[in-house]
């Protein structure tokens, strides 16, 4: 499936980036949390992408392709949250990236998801 063939490698590379460039990600998240206009602007992309995907592919099946629908819904909800949530709700999210151990967990999780999706799409 085309969408998974994009999501898999993107997640894999973003996860590796989280593991390799921890300080840069901490700075990015810190800026994102404190810059309200940028956060609102960045909310548009996941909302639009999520809506586009689940309006063209909204399948609830018992196979790997349900991941596309879950990612689409999660992206849409993330976009709505960034656009509508007050700053006081966003600031605590910065704590998810404030230490190397937390970034290792997030990066590792994203790498695993990306590797599984990539394997499934390109090898199975």
PDB file of N, CA and C in Angstrom:
ATOM      1  N   UNK A   1       0.841  -1.174   0.000  1.00  0.00           N
ATOM      2  CA  UNK A   1       0.000   0.000   0.000  1.00  0.00           C
ATOM      3  C   UNK A   1       0.886   1.237   0.000  1.00  0.00           C
ATOM      4  N   UNK A   2       0.534   2.189  -0.810  1.00  0.00           N
ATOM      5  CA  UNK A   2       1.332   3.394  -1.009  1.00  0.00           C
ATOM      6  C   UNK A   2       1.534   4.186   0.283  1.00  0.00           C
ATOM      7  N   UNK A   3       0.482   4.362   1.042  1.00  0.00           N
ATOM      8  CA  UNK A   3       0.587   5.192   2.250  1.00  0.00           C
ATOM      9  C   UNK A   3       1.546   4.563   3.256  1.00  0.00           C
ATOM     10  N   UNK A   4       1.448   3.258   3.464  1.00  0.00           N
ATOM     11  CA  UNK A   4       2.379   2.588   4.386  1.00  0.00           C
ATOM     12  C   UNK A   4       3.802   2.611   3.860  1.00  0.00           C
ATOM     13  N   UNK A   5       3.961   2.594   2.536  1.00  0.00           N
ATOM     14  CA  UNK A   5       5.313   2.634   1.979  1.00  0.00           C
ATOM     15  C   UNK A   5       5.965   3.990   2.202  1.00  0.00           C
ATOM     16  N   UNK A   6       5.173   4.998   2.547  1.00  0.00           N
ATOM     17  CA  UNK A   6       5.709   6.312   2.923  1.00  0.00           C
ATOM     18  C   UNK A   6       5.873   6.396   4.439  1.00  0.00           C
ATOM     19  N   UNK A   7       4.847   5.996   5.176  1.00  0.00           N
ATOM     20  CA  UNK A   7       4.893   6.091   6.636  1.00  0.00           C
ATOM     21  C   UNK A   7       6.038   5.292   7.234  1.00  0.00           C
ATOM     22  N   UNK A   8       6.271   4.080   6.753  1.00  0.00           N
ATOM     23  CA  UNK A   8       7.320   3.236   7.327  1.00  0.00           C
ATOM     24  C   UNK A   8       8.689   3.901   7.312  1.00  0.00           C
ATOM     25  N   UNK A   9       9.195   4.266   6.131  1.00  0.00           N
ATOM     26  CA  UNK A   9      10.508   4.916   6.094  1.00  0.00           C
ATOM     27  C   UNK A   9      10.544   6.260   6.829  1.00  0.00           C
ATOM     28  N   UNK A  10       9.460   7.022   6.778  1.00  0.00           N
ATOM     29  CA  UNK A  10       9.438   8.317   7.482  1.00  0.00           C
ATOM     30  C   UNK A  10       9.564   8.088   8.982  1.00  0.00           C
ATOM     31  N   UNK A  11       8.794   7.177   9.525  1.00  0.00           N
ATOM     32  CA  UNK A  11       8.891   6.883  10.954  1.00  0.00           C
ATOM     33  C   UNK A  11      10.284   6.373  11.300  1.00  0.00           C
ATOM     34  N   UNK A  12      10.840   5.517  10.466  1.00  0.00           N
ATOM     35  CA  UNK A  12      12.169   4.976  10.714  1.00  0.00           C
ATOM     36  C   UNK A  12      13.217   6.088  10.775  1.00  0.00           C
ATOM     37  N   UNK A  13      13.184   6.999   9.822  1.00  0.00           N
ATOM     38  CA  UNK A  13      14.173   8.084   9.776  1.00  0.00           C
ATOM     39  C   UNK A  13      13.946   9.085  10.911  1.00  0.00           C
ATOM     40  N   UNK A  14      12.698   9.416  11.201  1.00  0.00           N
ATOM     41  CA  UNK A  14      12.422  10.343  12.308  1.00  0.00           C
ATOM     42  C   UNK A  14      12.866   9.719  13.632  1.00  0.00           C
ATOM     43  N   UNK A  15      12.598   8.440  13.822  1.00  0.00           N
ATOM     44  CA  UNK A  15      13.040   7.766  15.043  1.00  0.00           C
ATOM     45  C   UNK A  15      14.549   7.778  15.192  1.00  0.00           C
ATOM     46  N   UNK A  16      15.251   7.500  14.106  1.00  0.00           N
ATOM     47  CA  UNK A  16      16.718   7.565  14.141  1.00  0.00           C
ATOM     48  C   UNK A  16      17.194   8.982  14.442  1.00  0.00           C
ATOM     49  N   UNK A  17      16.523   9.959  13.861  1.00  0.00           N
ATOM     50  CA  UNK A  17      16.872  11.354  14.131  1.00  0.00           C
ATOM     51  C   UNK A  17      16.679  11.692  15.617  1.00  0.00           C
ATOM     52  N   UNK A  18      15.597  11.190  16.212  1.00  0.00           N
ATOM     53  CA  UNK A  18      15.373  11.408  17.646  1.00  0.00           C
ATOM     54  C   UNK A  18      16.507  10.814  18.479  1.00  0.00           C
ATOM     55  N   UNK A  19      17.002   9.669  18.049  1.00  0.00           N
ATOM     56  CA  UNK A  19      18.077   8.999  18.788  1.00  0.00           C
ATOM     57  C   UNK A  19      19.437   9.668  18.577  1.00  0.00           C
ATOM     58  N   UNK A  20      19.674  10.202  17.394  1.00  0.00           N
ATOM     59  CA  UNK A  20      20.981  10.766  17.063  1.00  0.00           C
ATOM     60  C   UNK A  20      21.101  12.235  17.453  1.00  0.00           C
ATOM     61  N   UNK A  21      20.054  13.012  17.236  1.00  0.00           N
ATOM     62  CA  UNK A  21      20.103  14.472  17.420  1.00  0.00           C
ATOM     63  C   UNK A  21      19.219  14.923  18.585  1.00  0.00           C
ATOM     64  N   UNK A  22      19.493  14.394  19.747  1.00  0.00           N
ATOM     65  CA  UNK A  22      18.647  14.666  20.921  1.00  0.00           C
ATOM     66  C   UNK A  22      18.589  16.157  21.275  1.00  0.00           C
ATOM     67  N   UNK A  23      19.724  16.804  21.289  1.00  0.00           N
ATOM     68  CA  UNK A  23      19.752  18.218  21.684  1.00  0.00           C
ATOM     69  C   UNK A  23      18.961  19.079  20.707  1.00  0.00           C
ATOM     70  N   UNK A  24      19.092  18.802  19.420  1.00  0.00           N
ATOM     71  CA  UNK A  24      18.342  19.566  18.428  1.00  0.00           C
ATOM     72  C   UNK A  24      16.841  19.362  18.587  1.00  0.00           C
ATOM     73  N   UNK A  25      16.433  18.130  18.883  1.00  0.00           N
ATOM     74  CA  UNK A  25      15.012  17.859  19.103  1.00  0.00           C
ATOM     75  C   UNK A  25      14.515  18.566  20.365  1.00  0.00           C
ATOM     76  N   UNK A  26      15.329  18.596  21.417  1.00  0.00           N
ATOM     77  CA  UNK A  26      14.925  19.315  22.640  1.00  0.00           C
ATOM     78  C   UNK A  26      14.722  20.797  22.340  1.00  0.00           C
ATOM     79  N   UNK A  27      15.635  21.391  21.572  1.00  0.00           N
ATOM     80  CA  UNK A  27      15.486  22.805  21.204  1.00  0.00           C
ATOM     81  C   UNK A  27      14.239  23.021  20.351  1.00  0.00           C
ATOM     82  N   UNK A  28      14.003  22.135  19.393  1.00  0.00           N
ATOM     83  CA  UNK A  28      12.827  22.243  18.535  1.00  0.00           C
ATOM     84  C   UNK A  28      11.544  22.174  19.351  1.00  0.00           C
ATOM     85  N   UNK A  29      11.462  21.203  20.234  1.00  0.00           N
ATOM     86  CA  UNK A  29      10.255  21.051  21.054  1.00  0.00           C
ATOM     87  C   UNK A  29      10.088  22.253  21.979  1.00  0.00           C
ATOM     88  N   UNK A  30      11.200  22.743  22.547  1.00  0.00           N
ATOM     89  CA  UNK A  30      11.122  23.934  23.399  1.00  0.00           C
ATOM     90  C   UNK A  30      10.601  25.137  22.642  1.00  0.00           C
ATOM     91  N   UNK A  31      11.075  25.330  21.421  1.00  0.00           N
ATOM     92  CA  UNK A  31      10.594  26.433  20.592  1.00  0.00           C
ATOM     93  C   UNK A  31       9.139  26.229  20.228  1.00  0.00           C
ATOM     94  N   UNK A  32       8.791  25.019  19.862  1.00  0.00           N
ATOM     95  CA  UNK A  32       7.422  24.695  19.476  1.00  0.00           C
ATOM     96  C   UNK A  32       6.446  24.957  20.617  1.00  0.00           C
ATOM     97  N   UNK A  33       6.835  24.557  21.819  1.00  0.00           N
ATOM     98  CA  UNK A  33       5.962  24.732  22.982  1.00  0.00           C
ATOM     99  C   UNK A  33       5.770  26.213  23.304  1.00  0.00           C
ATOM    100  N   UNK A  34       6.809  27.017  23.116  1.00  0.00           N
ATOM    101  CA  UNK A  34       6.719  28.423  23.506  1.00  0.00           C
ATOM    102  C   UNK A  34       6.220  29.346  22.388  1.00  0.00           C
ATOM    103  N   UNK A  35       6.262  28.921  21.142  1.00  0.00           N
ATOM    104  CA  UNK A  35       5.880  29.773  20.018  1.00  0.00           C
ATOM    105  C   UNK A  35       4.464  29.437  19.554  1.00  0.00           C
ATOM    106  N   UNK A  36       3.484  30.163  20.067  1.00  0.00           N
ATOM    107  CA  UNK A  36       2.076  29.861  19.790  1.00  0.00           C
ATOM    108  C   UNK A  36       1.735  29.964  18.302  1.00  0.00           C
ATOM    109  N   UNK A  37       2.135  31.027  17.587  1.00  0.00           N
ATOM    110  CA  UNK A  37       1.800  31.072  16.152  1.00  0.00           C
ATOM    111  C   UNK A  37       2.376  29.895  15.359  1.00  0.00           C
ATOM    112  N   UNK A  38       3.600  29.493  15.669  1.00  0.00           N
ATOM    113  CA  UNK A  38       4.196  28.352  14.972  1.00  0.00           C
ATOM    114  C   UNK A  38       3.427  27.079  15.284  1.00  0.00           C
ATOM    115  N   UNK A  39       3.015  26.929  16.524  1.00  0.00           N
ATOM    116  CA  UNK A  39       2.255  25.743  16.926  1.00  0.00           C
ATOM    117  C   UNK A  39       0.916  25.695  16.193  1.00  0.00           C
ATOM    118  N   UNK A  40       0.253  26.829  16.094  1.00  0.00           N
ATOM    119  CA  UNK A  40      -1.028  26.866  15.373  1.00  0.00           C
ATOM    120  C   UNK A  40      -0.811  26.524  13.897  1.00  0.00           C
ATOM    121  N   UNK A  41       0.224  27.099  13.314  1.00  0.00           N
ATOM    122  CA  UNK A  41       0.532  26.814  11.922  1.00  0.00           C
ATOM    123  C   UNK A  41       0.840  25.334  11.725  1.00  0.00           C
ATOM    124  N   UNK A  42       1.635  24.766  12.647  1.00  0.00           N
ATOM    125  CA  UNK A  42       2.008  23.358  12.542  1.00  0.00           C
ATOM    126  C   UNK A  42       0.839  22.422  12.808  1.00  0.00           C
ATOM    127  N   UNK A  43      -0.231  22.903  13.415  1.00  0.00           N
ATOM    128  CA  UNK A  43      -1.417  22.083  13.620  1.00  0.00           C
ATOM    129  C   UNK A  43      -2.191  21.827  12.345  1.00  0.00           C
ATOM    130  N   UNK A  44      -2.040  22.708  11.378  1.00  0.00           N
ATOM    131  CA  UNK A  44      -2.773  22.570  10.123  1.00  0.00           C
ATOM    132  C   UNK A  44      -2.327  21.323   9.354  1.00  0.00           C
ATOM    133  N   UNK A  45      -1.030  21.039   9.334  1.00  0.00           N
ATOM    134  CA  UNK A  45      -0.511  19.940   8.532  1.00  0.00           C
ATOM    135  C   UNK A  45      -0.990  18.561   8.994  1.00  0.00           C
ATOM    136  N   UNK A  46      -0.870  18.216  10.272  1.00  0.00           N
ATOM    137  CA  UNK A  46      -1.384  16.896  10.662  1.00  0.00           C
ATOM    138  C   UNK A  46      -2.904  16.794  10.509  1.00  0.00           C
ATOM    139  N   UNK A  47      -3.609  17.895  10.744  1.00  0.00           N
ATOM    140  CA  UNK A  47      -5.062  17.865  10.564  1.00  0.00           C
ATOM    141  C   UNK A  47      -5.406  17.612   9.103  1.00  0.00           C
ATOM    142  N   UNK A  48      -4.797  18.358   8.196  1.00  0.00           N
ATOM    143  CA  UNK A  48      -5.080  18.185   6.769  1.00  0.00           C
ATOM    144  C   UNK A  48      -4.660  16.802   6.279  1.00  0.00           C
ATOM    145  N   UNK A  49      -3.465  16.349   6.680  1.00  0.00           N
ATOM    146  CA  UNK A  49      -2.991  15.037   6.257  1.00  0.00           C
ATOM    147  C   UNK A  49      -3.903  13.931   6.788  1.00  0.00           C
ATOM    148  N   UNK A  50      -4.244  14.013   8.062  1.00  0.00           N
ATOM    149  CA  UNK A  50      -5.119  13.004   8.658  1.00  0.00           C
ATOM    150  C   UNK A  50      -6.479  12.959   7.980  1.00  0.00           C
ATOM    151  N   UNK A  51      -7.071  14.127   7.741  1.00  0.00           N
ATOM    152  CA  UNK A  51      -8.370  14.167   7.059  1.00  0.00           C
ATOM    153  C   UNK A  51      -8.278  13.607   5.645  1.00  0.00           C
ATOM    154  N   UNK A  52      -7.233  13.976   4.938  1.00  0.00           N
ATOM    155  CA  UNK A  52      -7.034  13.476   3.578  1.00  0.00           C
ATOM    156  C   UNK A  52      -6.929  11.956   3.568  1.00  0.00           C
ATOM    157  N   UNK A  53      -6.145  11.410   4.481  1.00  0.00           N
ATOM    158  CA  UNK A  53      -5.938   9.959   4.497  1.00  0.00           C
ATOM    159  C   UNK A  53      -7.192   9.224   4.926  1.00  0.00           C
ATOM    160  N   UNK A  54      -7.816   9.616   6.043  1.00  0.00           N
ATOM    161  CA  UNK A  54      -8.935   8.787   6.465  1.00  0.00           C
ATOM    162  C   UNK A  54     -10.208   9.045   5.672  1.00  0.00           C
ATOM    163  N   UNK A  55     -10.246  10.105   4.886  1.00  0.00           N
ATOM    164  CA  UNK A  55     -11.383  10.267   3.964  1.00  0.00           C
ATOM    165  C   UNK A  55     -11.188   9.468   2.677  1.00  0.00           C
ATOM    166  N   UNK A  56      -9.959   9.096   2.369  1.00  0.00           N
ATOM    167  CA  UNK A  56      -9.718   8.265   1.194  1.00  0.00           C
ATOM    168  C   UNK A  56      -9.465   6.808   1.572  1.00  0.00           C
ATOM    169  N   UNK A  57      -9.045   6.571   2.812  1.00  0.00           N
ATOM    170  CA  UNK A  57      -8.738   5.216   3.237  1.00  0.00           C
ATOM    171  C   UNK A  57      -9.079   5.081   4.718  1.00  0.00           C
ATOM    172  N   UNK A  58     -10.293   4.712   5.012  1.00  0.00           N
ATOM    173  CA  UNK A  58     -10.751   4.554   6.390  1.00  0.00           C
ATOM    174  C   UNK A  58     -11.180   3.101   6.568  1.00  0.00           C
ATOM    175  N   UNK A  59     -10.202   2.224   6.772  1.00  0.00           N
ATOM    176  CA  UNK A  59     -10.454   0.791   6.833  1.00  0.00           C
ATOM    177  C   UNK A  59     -10.123   0.278   8.231  1.00  0.00           C
ATOM    178  N   UNK A  60     -11.092  -0.397   8.834  1.00  0.00           N
ATOM    179  CA  UNK A  60     -10.875  -1.011  10.137  1.00  0.00           C
ATOM    180  C   UNK A  60     -10.850  -2.524   9.922  1.00  0.00           C
ATOM    181  N   UNK A  61      -9.664  -3.051   9.669  1.00  0.00           N
ATOM    182  CA  UNK A  61      -9.503  -4.473   9.411  1.00  0.00           C
ATOM    183  C   UNK A  61      -8.551  -5.063  10.438  1.00  0.00           C
ATOM    184  N   UNK A  62      -8.412  -6.366  10.391  1.00  0.00           N
ATOM    185  CA  UNK A  62      -7.528  -7.038  11.354  1.00  0.00           C
ATOM    186  C   UNK A  62      -6.187  -7.379  10.711  1.00  0.00           C
ATOM    187  N   UNK A  63      -5.603  -6.409  10.026  1.00  0.00           N
ATOM    188  CA  UNK A  63      -4.284  -6.602   9.444  1.00  0.00           C
ATOM    189  C   UNK A  63      -3.490  -5.308   9.591  1.00  0.00           C
ATOM    190  N   UNK A  64      -2.325  -5.271   9.004  1.00  0.00           N
ATOM    191  CA  UNK A  64      -1.413  -4.133   9.171  1.00  0.00           C
ATOM    192  C   UNK A  64      -2.006  -2.842   8.616  1.00  0.00           C
ATOM    193  N   UNK A  65      -2.938  -2.937   7.681  1.00  0.00           N
ATOM    194  CA  UNK A  65      -3.471  -1.737   7.039  1.00  0.00           C
ATOM    195  C   UNK A  65      -4.328  -0.879   7.966  1.00  0.00           C
ATOM    196  N   UNK A  66      -4.768  -1.434   9.068  1.00  0.00           N
ATOM    197  CA  UNK A  66      -5.499  -0.624  10.048  1.00  0.00           C
ATOM    198  C   UNK A  66      -4.581   0.448  10.632  1.00  0.00           C
ATOM    199  N   UNK A  67      -3.276   0.227  10.552  1.00  0.00           N
ATOM    200  CA  UNK A  67      -2.309   1.208  11.047  1.00  0.00           C
ATOM    201  C   UNK A  67      -2.480   2.533  10.309  1.00  0.00           C
ATOM    202  N   UNK A  68      -2.779   2.471   9.017  1.00  0.00           N
ATOM    203  CA  UNK A  68      -2.999   3.696   8.234  1.00  0.00           C
ATOM    204  C   UNK A  68      -4.156   4.491   8.826  1.00  0.00           C
ATOM    205  N   UNK A  69      -5.251   3.826   9.113  1.00  0.00           N
ATOM    206  CA  UNK A  69      -6.417   4.502   9.671  1.00  0.00           C
ATOM    207  C   UNK A  69      -6.106   5.069  11.051  1.00  0.00           C
ATOM    208  N   UNK A  70      -5.406   4.311  11.878  1.00  0.00           N
ATOM    209  CA  UNK A  70      -5.056   4.782  13.221  1.00  0.00           C
ATOM    210  C   UNK A  70      -4.141   6.004  13.140  1.00  0.00           C
ATOM    211  N   UNK A  71      -3.139   5.958  12.264  1.00  0.00           N
ATOM    212  CA  UNK A  71      -2.238   7.102  12.098  1.00  0.00           C
ATOM    213  C   UNK A  71      -3.016   8.317  11.603  1.00  0.00           C
ATOM    214  N   UNK A  72      -3.938   8.106  10.677  1.00  0.00           N
ATOM    215  CA  UNK A  72      -4.729   9.221  10.144  1.00  0.00           C
ATOM    216  C   UNK A  72      -5.573   9.863  11.237  1.00  0.00           C
ATOM    217  N   UNK A  73      -6.242   9.060  12.033  1.00  0.00           N
ATOM    218  CA  UNK A  73      -7.047   9.602  13.126  1.00  0.00           C
ATOM    219  C   UNK A  73      -6.170  10.300  14.166  1.00  0.00           C
ATOM    220  N   UNK A  74      -5.037   9.693  14.497  1.00  0.00           N
ATOM    221  CA  UNK A  74      -4.124  10.307  15.472  1.00  0.00           C
ATOM    222  C   UNK A  74      -3.587  11.637  14.959  1.00  0.00           C
ATOM    223  N   UNK A  75      -3.231  11.697  13.685  1.00  0.00           N
ATOM    224  CA  UNK A  75      -2.733  12.950  13.107  1.00  0.00           C
ATOM    225  C   UNK A  75      -3.814  14.024  13.144  1.00  0.00           C
ATOM    226  N   UNK A  76      -5.023  13.649  12.808  1.00  0.00           N
ATOM    227  CA  UNK A  76      -6.125  14.621  12.829  1.00  0.00           C
ATOM    228  C   UNK A  76      -6.362  15.158  14.242  1.00  0.00           C
ATOM    229  N   UNK A  77      -6.391  14.266  15.213  1.00  0.00           N
ATOM    230  CA  UNK A  77      -6.596  14.690  16.601  1.00  0.00           C
ATOM    231  C   UNK A  77      -5.441  15.561  17.091  1.00  0.00           C
ATOM    232  N   UNK A  78      -4.226  15.208  16.680  1.00  0.00           N
ATOM    233  CA  UNK A  78      -3.058  16.013  17.041  1.00  0.00           C
ATOM    234  C   UNK A  78      -3.181  17.416  16.457  1.00  0.00           C
ATOM    235  N   UNK A  79      -3.591  17.515  15.204  1.00  0.00           N
ATOM    236  CA  UNK A  79      -3.778  18.820  14.583  1.00  0.00           C
ATOM    237  C   UNK A  79      -4.837  19.647  15.279  1.00  0.00           C
ATOM    238  N   UNK A  80      -5.954  19.021  15.612  1.00  0.00           N
ATOM    239  CA  UNK A  80      -7.021  19.731  16.339  1.00  0.00           C
ATOM    240  C   UNK A  80      -6.498  20.201  17.690  1.00  0.00           C
ATOM    241  N   UNK A  81      -5.760  19.340  18.370  1.00  0.00           N
ATOM    242  CA  UNK A  81      -5.208  19.707  19.671  1.00  0.00           C
ATOM    243  C   UNK A  81      -4.279  20.911  19.555  1.00  0.00           C
ATOM    244  N   UNK A  82      -3.347  20.883  18.590  1.00  0.00           N
ATOM    245  CA  UNK A  82      -2.423  22.003  18.423  1.00  0.00           C
ATOM    246  C   UNK A  82      -3.146  23.293  18.070  1.00  0.00           C
ATOM    247  N   UNK A  83      -4.222  23.189  17.323  1.00  0.00           N
ATOM    248  CA  UNK A  83      -4.943  24.383  16.899  1.00  0.00           C
ATOM    249  C   UNK A  83      -5.850  24.957  17.993  1.00  0.00           C
ATOM    250  N   UNK A  84      -6.402  24.106  18.835  1.00  0.00           N
ATOM    251  CA  UNK A  84      -7.417  24.566  19.780  1.00  0.00           C
ATOM    252  C   UNK A  84      -6.997  24.570  21.245  1.00  0.00           C
ATOM    253  N   UNK A  85      -5.981  23.816  21.598  1.00  0.00           N
ATOM    254  CA  UNK A  85      -5.598  23.709  23.008  1.00  0.00           C
ATOM    255  C   UNK A  85      -4.939  24.996  23.492  1.00  0.00           C
ATOM    256  N   UNK A  86      -5.264  25.393  24.719  1.00  0.00           N
ATOM    257  CA  UNK A  86      -4.571  26.556  25.284  1.00  0.00           C
ATOM    258  C   UNK A  86      -3.111  26.215  25.585  1.00  0.00           C
ATOM    259  N   UNK A  87      -2.288  27.251  25.666  1.00  0.00           N
ATOM    260  CA  UNK A  87      -0.847  27.070  25.896  1.00  0.00           C
ATOM    261  C   UNK A  87      -0.570  26.273  27.167  1.00  0.00           C
ATOM    262  N   UNK A  88      -1.406  26.425  28.177  1.00  0.00           N
ATOM    263  CA  UNK A  88      -1.178  25.723  29.443  1.00  0.00           C
ATOM    264  C   UNK A  88      -1.295  24.204  29.270  1.00  0.00           C
ATOM    265  N   UNK A  89      -1.993  23.745  28.250  1.00  0.00           N
ATOM    266  CA  UNK A  89      -2.097  22.309  27.984  1.00  0.00           C
ATOM    267  C   UNK A  89      -0.926  21.808  27.157  1.00  0.00           C
ATOM    268  N   UNK A  90      -0.304  22.696  26.387  1.00  0.00           N
ATOM    269  CA  UNK A  90       0.779  22.303  25.496  1.00  0.00           C
ATOM    270  C   UNK A  90       2.117  22.264  26.232  1.00  0.00           C
ATOM    271  N   UNK A  91       2.345  23.206  27.130  1.00  0.00           N
ATOM    272  CA  UNK A  91       3.651  23.302  27.806  1.00  0.00           C
ATOM    273  C   UNK A  91       4.099  22.002  28.468  1.00  0.00           C
ATOM    274  N   UNK A  92       3.222  21.252  29.149  1.00  0.00           N
ATOM    275  CA  UNK A  92       3.686  19.998  29.760  1.00  0.00           C
ATOM    276  C   UNK A  92       4.198  18.968  28.749  1.00  0.00           C
ATOM    277  N   UNK A  93       3.815  19.101  27.485  1.00  0.00           N
ATOM    278  CA  UNK A  93       4.296  18.159  26.478  1.00  0.00           C
ATOM    279  C   UNK A  93       5.805  18.254  26.279  1.00  0.00           C
ATOM    280  N   UNK A  94       6.372  19.418  26.564  1.00  0.00           N
ATOM    281  CA  UNK A  94       7.816  19.594  26.458  1.00  0.00           C
ATOM    282  C   UNK A  94       8.582  18.672  27.386  1.00  0.00           C
ATOM    283  N   UNK A  95       7.952  18.275  28.499  1.00  0.00           N
ATOM    284  CA  UNK A  95       8.608  17.385  29.461  1.00  0.00           C
ATOM    285  C   UNK A  95       8.830  15.986  28.880  1.00  0.00           C
ATOM    286  N   UNK A  96       8.112  15.634  27.826  1.00  0.00           N
ATOM    287  CA  UNK A  96       8.293  14.325  27.198  1.00  0.00           C
ATOM    288  C   UNK A  96       9.640  14.221  26.497  1.00  0.00           C
ATOM    289  N   UNK A  97      10.297  15.364  26.278  1.00  0.00           N
ATOM    290  CA  UNK A  97      11.549  15.377  25.535  1.00  0.00           C
ATOM    291  C   UNK A  97      12.692  15.993  26.331  1.00  0.00           C
ATOM    292  N   UNK A  98      12.551  16.111  27.647  1.00  0.00           N
ATOM    293  CA  UNK A  98      13.535  16.863  28.427  1.00  0.00           C
ATOM    294  C   UNK A  98      14.747  16.063  28.894  1.00  0.00           C
ATOM    295  N   UNK A  99      14.800  14.777  28.603  1.00  0.00           N
ATOM    296  CA  UNK A  99      15.973  13.999  29.013  1.00  0.00           C
ATOM    297  C   UNK A  99      16.358  12.999  27.923  1.00  0.00           C
ATOM    298  N   UNK A 100      17.602  12.582  27.952  1.00  0.00           N
ATOM    299  CA  UNK A 100      18.072  11.601  26.979  1.00  0.00           C
ATOM    300  C   UNK A 100      17.312  10.292  27.090  1.00  0.00           C
ATOM    301  N   UNK A 101      16.997   9.863  28.315  1.00  0.00           N
ATOM    302  CA  UNK A 101      16.309   8.588  28.471  1.00  0.00           C
ATOM    303  C   UNK A 101      14.909   8.635  27.852  1.00  0.00           C
ATOM    304  N   UNK A 102      14.210   9.757  27.999  1.00  0.00           N
ATOM    305  CA  UNK A 102      12.878   9.881  27.380  1.00  0.00           C
ATOM    306  C   UNK A 102      12.989   9.916  25.861  1.00  0.00           C
ATOM    307  N   UNK A 103      13.992  10.616  25.351  1.00  0.00           N
ATOM    308  CA  UNK A 103      14.195  10.649  23.907  1.00  0.00           C
ATOM    309  C   UNK A 103      14.594   9.279  23.374  1.00  0.00           C
ATOM    310  N   UNK A 104      15.350   8.516  24.150  1.00  0.00           N
ATOM    311  CA  UNK A 104      15.690   7.152  23.745  1.00  0.00           C
ATOM    312  C   UNK A 104      14.445   6.285  23.641  1.00  0.00           C
ATOM    313  N   UNK A 105      13.539   6.439  24.600  1.00  0.00           N
ATOM    314  CA  UNK A 105      12.290   5.666  24.563  1.00  0.00           C
ATOM    315  C   UNK A 105      11.459   6.066  23.347  1.00  0.00           C
ATOM    316  N   UNK A 106      11.235   7.375  23.166  1.00  0.00           N
ATOM    317  CA  UNK A 106      10.439   7.846  22.019  1.00  0.00           C
ATOM    318  C   UNK A 106      11.104   7.454  20.710  1.00  0.00           C
ATOM    319  N   UNK A 107      12.394   7.707  20.596  1.00  0.00           N
ATOM    320  CA  UNK A 107      13.104   7.367  19.367  1.00  0.00           C
ATOM    321  C   UNK A 107      13.060   5.875  19.076  1.00  0.00           C
ATOM    322  N   UNK A 108      13.302   5.068  20.103  1.00  0.00           N
ATOM    323  CA  UNK A 108      13.254   3.613  19.929  1.00  0.00           C
ATOM    324  C   UNK A 108      11.879   3.133  19.505  1.00  0.00           C
ATOM    325  N   UNK A 109      10.849   3.676  20.115  1.00  0.00           N
ATOM    326  CA  UNK A 109       9.478   3.301  19.765  1.00  0.00           C
ATOM    327  C   UNK A 109       9.167   3.652  18.307  1.00  0.00           C
ATOM    328  N   UNK A 110       9.554   4.850  17.898  1.00  0.00           N
ATOM    329  CA  UNK A 110       9.294   5.291  16.523  1.00  0.00           C
ATOM    330  C   UNK A 110      10.112   4.463  15.526  1.00  0.00           C
ATOM    331  N   UNK A 111      11.348   4.128  15.868  1.00  0.00           N
ATOM    332  CA  UNK A 111      12.175   3.271  14.996  1.00  0.00           C
ATOM    333  C   UNK A 111      11.520   1.897  14.840  1.00  0.00           C
ATOM    334  N   UNK A 112      11.050   1.337  15.930  1.00  0.00           N
ATOM    335  CA  UNK A 112      10.416   0.012  15.865  1.00  0.00           C
ATOM    336  C   UNK A 112       9.171   0.059  14.981  1.00  0.00           C
ATOM    337  N   UNK A 113       8.328   1.064  15.186  1.00  0.00           N
ATOM    338  CA  UNK A 113       7.122   1.192  14.350  1.00  0.00           C
ATOM    339  C   UNK A 113       7.519   1.343  12.886  1.00  0.00           C
ATOM    340  N   UNK A 114       8.482   2.214  12.613  1.00  0.00           N
ATOM    341  CA  UNK A 114       8.933   2.415  11.240  1.00  0.00           C
ATOM    342  C   UNK A 114       9.520   1.161  10.631  1.00  0.00           C
ATOM    343  N   UNK A 115      10.307   0.431  11.411  1.00  0.00           N
ATOM    344  CA  UNK A 115      10.928  -0.797  10.898  1.00  0.00           C
ATOM    345  C   UNK A 115       9.869  -1.856  10.589  1.00  0.00           C
ATOM    346  N   UNK A 116       8.898  -2.008  11.468  1.00  0.00           N
ATOM    347  CA  UNK A 116       7.829  -2.993  11.243  1.00  0.00           C
ATOM    348  C   UNK A 116       7.023  -2.627  10.000  1.00  0.00           C
ATOM    349  N   UNK A 117       6.639  -1.362   9.882  1.00  0.00           N
ATOM    350  CA  UNK A 117       5.860  -0.937   8.716  1.00  0.00           C
ATOM    351  C   UNK A 117       6.673  -1.110   7.431  1.00  0.00           C
ATOM    352  N   UNK A 118       7.929  -0.698   7.468  1.00  0.00           N
ATOM    353  CA  UNK A 118       8.789  -0.816   6.287  1.00  0.00           C
ATOM    354  C   UNK A 118       8.978  -2.274   5.896  1.00  0.00           C
ATOM    355  N   UNK A 119       9.244  -3.120   6.880  1.00  0.00           N
ATOM    356  CA  UNK A 119       9.398  -4.546   6.605  1.00  0.00           C
ATOM    357  C   UNK A 119       8.130  -5.112   5.979  1.00  0.00           C
ATOM    358  N   UNK A 120       7.011  -4.810   6.578  1.00  0.00           N
ATOM    359  CA  UNK A 120       5.738  -5.371   6.094  1.00  0.00           C
ATOM    360  C   UNK A 120       5.458  -4.937   4.655  1.00  0.00           C
ATOM    361  N   UNK A 121       5.702  -3.677   4.347  1.00  0.00           N
ATOM    362  CA  UNK A 121       5.398  -3.164   3.013  1.00  0.00           C
ATOM    363  C   UNK A 121       6.379  -3.669   1.963  1.00  0.00           C
ATOM    364  N   UNK A 122       7.674  -3.679   2.276  1.00  0.00           N
ATOM    365  CA  UNK A 122       8.675  -3.990   1.266  1.00  0.00           C
ATOM    366  C   UNK A 122       9.123  -5.448   1.248  1.00  0.00           C
ATOM    367  N   UNK A 123       8.892  -6.190   2.342  1.00  0.00           N
ATOM    368  CA  UNK A 123       9.415  -7.551   2.407  1.00  0.00           C
ATOM    369  C   UNK A 123       8.323  -8.632   2.382  1.00  0.00           C
ATOM    370  N   UNK A 124       7.127  -8.295   2.791  1.00  0.00           N
ATOM    371  CA  UNK A 124       6.068  -9.310   2.879  1.00  0.00           C
ATOM    372  C   UNK A 124       5.203  -9.272   1.643  1.00  0.00           C
TER     373      UNK A 124
END
